Amino acid sequence: VFWLVTSLLVIIVLYVVVPPLLAKPEPLIENEKVNAAILLYAQTQLPVSTFELPEDATKWKVQSVKIHKLDTLPGVQGNQKAAASIIGSYYPADQQDLEEPLTHEIKLNFTIGKKYPEGISVQLAKF
């Protein structure tokens, strides 16, 4: 009975621990135009409160964007929904003398549309 219980526990632990370790991370979407549009939008139009920074954060700067998912929305407009991580850096107020700022990453959803004559419009999505 002891060996049966022990082997059952080992099997359960392996079943719970091993699959997440073997799971591959999702590949990132490589779309330079959408990436650049989201980066520009994050740098110029998103309020700092959107990034959920610590209260003592100062000198926030958006550095890069990683697009995890890009789906086409139904309709003739051809709009897209993007799930992206915004990566930036900041200095805590009490540690202004740090050589390297602290990094912060937040995942947000965006609606990507077409802006005529040529271009891309980006909006923060609430879904």
Protein backbone atom coordinates (compact mmCIF):
# COMPACT_ATOMS: atom_id res chain seq x y z
CA VAL A 1 0.00 0.00 0.00
CA PHE A 2 2.84 2.37 0.85
CA TRP A 3 4.46 1.90 -2.56
CA LEU A 4 1.17 2.41 -4.32
CA VAL A 5 0.51 5.70 -2.52
CA THR A 6 4.10 6.88 -3.06
CA SER A 7 4.06 6.08 -6.76
CA LEU A 8 0.68 7.77 -7.13
CA LEU A 9 2.01 10.93 -5.45
CA VAL A 10 5.09 10.94 -7.70
CA ILE A 11 2.91 10.58 -10.79
CA ILE A 12 0.65 13.45 -9.65
CA VAL A 13 3.63 15.71 -8.94
CA LEU A 14 5.19 14.93 -12.31
CA TYR A 15 1.88 15.51 -14.07
CA VAL A 16 1.49 18.93 -12.42
CA VAL A 17 5.10 20.15 -12.64
CA VAL A 18 6.53 18.83 -15.92
CA PRO A 19 4.01 20.05 -18.58
CA PRO A 20 4.38 23.75 -17.70
CA LEU A 21 8.16 23.37 -17.84
CA LEU A 22 7.96 21.84 -21.31
CA ALA A 23 5.44 24.34 -22.66
CA LYS A 24 6.96 26.66 -25.22
CA PRO A 25 6.35 30.38 -24.84
CA GLU A 26 4.11 31.91 -27.48
CA PRO A 27 6.07 33.28 -30.43
CA LEU A 28 5.93 37.05 -30.75
CA ILE A 29 4.27 38.65 -33.77
CA GLU A 30 6.73 40.46 -36.02
CA ASN A 31 4.85 43.33 -37.65
CA GLU A 32 7.06 46.41 -37.83
CA LYS A 33 4.30 48.86 -38.80
CA VAL A 34 1.93 47.85 -36.01
CA ASN A 35 4.80 47.64 -33.53
CA ALA A 36 5.98 51.15 -34.41
CA ALA A 37 2.42 52.51 -34.26
CA ILE A 38 1.78 51.06 -30.79
CA LEU A 39 5.18 52.31 -29.57
CA LEU A 40 4.47 55.84 -30.81
CA TYR A 41 0.98 55.76 -29.28
CA ALA A 42 2.35 54.54 -25.93
CA GLN A 43 5.08 57.19 -25.92
CA THR A 44 2.91 60.15 -26.88
CA GLN A 45 -0.74 59.55 -25.98
CA LEU A 46 -1.12 57.08 -23.12
CA PRO A 47 -1.28 58.64 -19.66
CA VAL A 48 1.31 57.41 -17.18
CA SER A 49 -1.46 56.03 -14.94
CA THR A 50 -2.18 53.40 -17.63
CA PHE A 51 1.15 51.71 -16.94
CA GLU A 52 0.33 50.91 -13.29
CA LEU A 53 3.70 52.08 -12.02
CA PRO A 54 4.60 52.20 -8.34
CA GLU A 55 3.58 55.46 -6.69
CA ASP A 56 7.17 56.55 -6.18
CA ALA A 57 8.14 56.10 -9.86
CA THR A 58 9.71 59.03 -11.68
CA LYS A 59 11.15 59.55 -15.15
CA TRP A 60 9.02 56.90 -16.89
CA LYS A 61 10.07 56.06 -20.44
CA VAL A 62 8.50 53.57 -22.88
CA GLN A 63 11.25 51.57 -24.54
CA SER A 64 9.74 48.77 -26.59
CA VAL A 65 6.65 46.81 -27.53
CA LYS A 66 6.15 43.05 -27.86
CA ILE A 67 3.05 41.97 -29.78
CA HIS A 68 1.74 38.65 -28.46
CA LYS A 69 -1.43 38.34 -30.51
CA LEU A 70 -2.85 40.13 -33.54
CA ASP A 71 -6.40 39.22 -34.64
CA THR A 72 -8.56 40.65 -37.38
CA LEU A 73 -11.91 41.91 -36.10
CA PRO A 74 -15.10 41.15 -38.06
CA GLY A 75 -16.34 43.84 -40.40
CA VAL A 76 -15.42 45.52 -43.64
CA GLN A 77 -13.13 48.07 -41.95
CA GLY A 78 -10.35 45.52 -41.47
CA ASN A 79 -9.60 46.59 -37.91
CA GLN A 80 -7.38 44.42 -35.77
CA LYS A 81 -7.10 43.63 -32.07
CA ALA A 82 -3.60 43.45 -30.64
CA ALA A 83 -2.44 42.11 -27.28
CA ALA A 84 0.93 43.67 -26.57
CA SER A 85 3.36 44.16 -23.74
CA ILE A 86 4.68 47.67 -23.21
CA ILE A 87 8.16 47.63 -21.72
CA GLY A 88 9.59 50.70 -20.10
CA SER A 89 11.86 51.91 -17.36
CA TYR A 90 11.59 54.25 -14.39
CA TYR A 91 13.52 55.48 -11.40
CA PRO A 92 12.09 55.19 -7.88
CA ALA A 93 11.88 58.62 -6.22
CA ASP A 94 14.23 57.62 -3.41
CA GLN A 95 16.83 56.06 -5.73
CA GLN A 96 17.53 58.71 -8.38
CA ASP A 97 21.24 57.87 -8.37
CA LEU A 98 20.80 54.37 -9.84
CA GLU A 99 22.90 53.73 -12.92
CA GLU A 100 20.30 51.45 -14.47
CA PRO A 101 16.59 52.26 -14.15
CA LEU A 102 14.13 49.60 -13.06
CA THR A 103 12.14 47.94 -15.83
CA HIS A 104 8.38 47.53 -15.88
CA GLU A 105 6.22 45.53 -18.27
CA ILE A 106 2.45 45.66 -18.64
CA LYS A 107 0.19 43.81 -21.05
CA LEU A 108 -2.47 45.93 -22.75
CA ASN A 109 -4.99 45.45 -25.56
CA PHE A 110 -5.18 47.81 -28.51
CA THR A 111 -7.50 48.33 -31.46
CA ILE A 112 -5.59 48.88 -34.70
CA GLY A 113 -7.35 50.60 -37.59
CA LYS A 114 -6.52 52.11 -40.93
CA LYS A 115 -5.91 55.83 -41.15
CA TYR A 116 -6.17 57.31 -44.60
CA PRO A 117 -4.46 58.15 -46.89
CA GLU A 118 -1.78 55.89 -45.44
CA GLY A 119 -1.14 55.00 -41.85
CA ILE A 120 -2.34 53.20 -38.80
CA SER A 121 -4.57 54.40 -35.99
CA VAL A 122 -4.14 52.95 -32.51
CA GLN A 123 -6.53 53.07 -29.55
CA LEU A 124 -6.35 51.48 -26.13
CA ALA A 125 -9.03 48.79 -25.98
CA LYS A 126 -11.07 48.08 -22.88
CA PHE A 127 -11.87 44.43 -23.62
